[in-house]
N, C-alpha and C. Protein backbone atom coordinates (compact mmCIF):
# COMPACT_ATOMS: atom_id res chain seq x y z
N MET A 1 124.33 114.32 120.20
CA MET A 1 125.66 114.17 119.64
C MET A 1 126.20 115.52 119.18
N ALA A 2 127.46 115.70 119.39
CA ALA A 2 128.12 116.94 118.99
C ALA A 2 128.71 116.79 117.60
N LYS A 3 128.99 117.92 116.96
CA LYS A 3 129.61 117.92 115.64
C LYS A 3 130.97 118.59 115.73
N CYS A 4 131.87 118.14 114.88
CA CYS A 4 133.21 118.70 114.81
C CYS A 4 133.14 120.13 114.29
N SER A 5 133.89 121.03 114.90
CA SER A 5 133.90 122.44 114.49
C SER A 5 134.63 122.64 113.16
N ILE A 6 135.46 121.69 112.76
CA ILE A 6 136.24 121.83 111.54
C ILE A 6 135.54 121.19 110.34
N CYS A 7 135.24 119.90 110.45
CA CYS A 7 134.69 119.19 109.30
C CYS A 7 133.17 119.02 109.35
N GLY A 8 132.57 119.17 110.51
CA GLY A 8 131.12 119.10 110.63
C GLY A 8 130.55 117.70 110.79
N THR A 9 131.41 116.68 110.90
CA THR A 9 130.90 115.32 111.09
C THR A 9 130.49 115.11 112.54
N LYS A 10 129.61 114.15 112.76
CA LYS A 10 129.19 113.82 114.11
C LYS A 10 130.33 113.14 114.84
N ILE A 11 130.55 113.53 116.08
CA ILE A 11 131.62 112.96 116.88
C ILE A 11 131.08 111.74 117.61
N GLN A 12 131.81 110.65 117.51
CA GLN A 12 131.40 109.40 118.15
C GLN A 12 131.53 109.51 119.66
N GLU A 13 130.72 108.72 120.36
CA GLU A 13 130.75 108.69 121.82
C GLU A 13 130.97 107.26 122.29
N THR A 14 131.57 107.11 123.46
CA THR A 14 131.71 105.80 124.06
C THR A 14 130.40 105.41 124.71
N PHE A 15 130.32 104.22 125.23
CA PHE A 15 129.08 103.78 125.87
C PHE A 15 128.78 104.57 127.15
N MET A 16 129.76 105.27 127.69
CA MET A 16 129.56 106.10 128.88
C MET A 16 129.26 107.55 128.51
N LYS A 17 128.97 107.81 127.21
CA LYS A 17 128.62 109.12 126.68
C LYS A 17 129.77 110.12 126.71
N LYS A 18 131.01 109.62 126.68
CA LYS A 18 132.17 110.50 126.54
C LYS A 18 132.49 110.61 125.06
N MET A 19 132.82 111.81 124.60
CA MET A 19 133.11 111.98 123.19
C MET A 19 134.53 111.52 122.87
N ILE A 20 134.68 111.03 121.64
CA ILE A 20 135.99 110.59 121.17
C ILE A 20 136.56 111.73 120.34
N GLY A 21 137.38 112.55 120.94
CA GLY A 21 137.95 113.74 120.30
C GLY A 21 138.54 114.64 121.36
N THR A 22 138.57 115.91 121.09
CA THR A 22 139.15 116.86 122.04
C THR A 22 138.39 118.19 121.99
N VAL A 23 138.65 119.01 122.99
CA VAL A 23 138.06 120.34 123.06
C VAL A 23 139.21 121.35 123.02
N VAL A 24 139.08 122.34 122.13
CA VAL A 24 140.10 123.38 121.99
C VAL A 24 139.46 124.71 122.33
N LYS A 25 140.13 125.49 123.18
CA LYS A 25 139.62 126.83 123.53
C LYS A 25 140.33 127.88 122.70
N ASP A 26 139.56 128.89 122.23
CA ASP A 26 140.17 129.99 121.51
C ASP A 26 140.60 131.07 122.51
N GLU A 27 141.08 132.19 121.99
CA GLU A 27 141.61 133.26 122.86
C GLU A 27 140.53 133.89 123.73
N LYS A 28 139.27 133.80 123.33
CA LYS A 28 138.17 134.35 124.13
C LYS A 28 137.66 133.36 125.17
N GLY A 29 138.15 132.11 125.13
CA GLY A 29 137.72 131.11 126.08
C GLY A 29 136.58 130.24 125.59
N LYS A 30 136.13 130.44 124.34
CA LYS A 30 135.04 129.64 123.79
C LYS A 30 135.57 128.26 123.42
N LYS A 31 134.80 127.21 123.72
CA LYS A 31 135.22 125.85 123.46
C LYS A 31 134.76 125.40 122.07
N HIS A 32 135.66 124.72 121.37
CA HIS A 32 135.38 124.16 120.05
C HIS A 32 135.71 122.67 120.10
N ILE A 33 134.78 121.83 119.65
CA ILE A 33 134.97 120.39 119.69
C ILE A 33 135.60 119.94 118.38
N VAL A 34 136.63 119.09 118.47
CA VAL A 34 137.35 118.61 117.30
C VAL A 34 137.39 117.09 117.33
N CYS A 35 137.08 116.45 116.19
CA CYS A 35 137.07 114.99 116.11
C CYS A 35 138.51 114.45 116.03
N ASN A 36 138.64 113.13 116.19
CA ASN A 36 139.95 112.50 116.15
C ASN A 36 140.64 112.68 114.80
N ALA A 37 139.88 112.56 113.71
CA ALA A 37 140.46 112.67 112.37
C ALA A 37 141.07 114.05 112.14
N CYS A 38 140.35 115.09 112.51
CA CYS A 38 140.87 116.46 112.34
C CYS A 38 142.03 116.72 113.30
N GLN A 39 141.98 116.14 114.45
CA GLN A 39 143.05 116.30 115.43
C GLN A 39 144.34 115.71 114.87
N GLN A 40 144.26 114.54 114.23
CA GLN A 40 145.44 113.93 113.64
C GLN A 40 145.89 114.71 112.40
N LYS A 41 144.93 115.20 111.63
CA LYS A 41 145.23 115.93 110.40
C LYS A 41 146.05 117.19 110.68
N PHE A 42 145.71 117.89 111.75
CA PHE A 42 146.42 119.12 112.11
C PHE A 42 147.49 118.90 113.17
N SER A 43 147.84 117.65 113.39
CA SER A 43 148.93 117.22 114.30
C SER A 43 148.91 117.93 115.65
N ASN A 44 147.72 118.02 116.24
CA ASN A 44 147.53 118.57 117.58
C ASN A 44 147.98 120.02 117.73
N ASP A 45 148.06 120.78 116.65
CA ASP A 45 148.44 122.19 116.72
C ASP A 45 147.18 123.03 116.89
N LYS A 46 147.03 123.62 118.06
CA LYS A 46 145.82 124.37 118.42
C LYS A 46 145.57 125.53 117.46
N ALA A 47 146.60 126.26 117.09
CA ALA A 47 146.43 127.43 116.22
C ALA A 47 145.93 127.02 114.84
N GLU A 48 146.46 125.93 114.29
CA GLU A 48 146.00 125.47 112.98
C GLU A 48 144.56 125.00 113.02
N MET A 49 144.18 124.33 114.11
CA MET A 49 142.80 123.86 114.25
C MET A 49 141.82 125.02 114.29
N LEU A 50 142.17 126.08 115.00
CA LEU A 50 141.28 127.23 115.10
C LEU A 50 141.18 127.99 113.78
N LYS A 51 142.24 128.01 112.98
CA LYS A 51 142.21 128.66 111.68
C LYS A 51 141.29 127.91 110.71
N ALA A 52 141.27 126.58 110.81
CA ALA A 52 140.49 125.75 109.90
C ALA A 52 139.03 125.64 110.30
N LYS A 53 138.68 126.19 111.44
CA LYS A 53 137.31 126.11 111.96
C LYS A 53 136.33 126.74 111.00
N LYS A 54 135.15 126.13 110.87
CA LYS A 54 134.10 126.64 109.98
C LYS A 54 133.60 127.97 110.45
């Protein structure tokens, strides 16, 4: 199981092992996994999500 890059909680998966959340890439191309709760909290704004990253 993966953890959210912002809040650190475990990201839920469907029965087909797909994560429930999103992946955000930074300017260097590195992928950061974000849960649904954080995605809604930052209203899908990529820049705000990357600033709040741990």
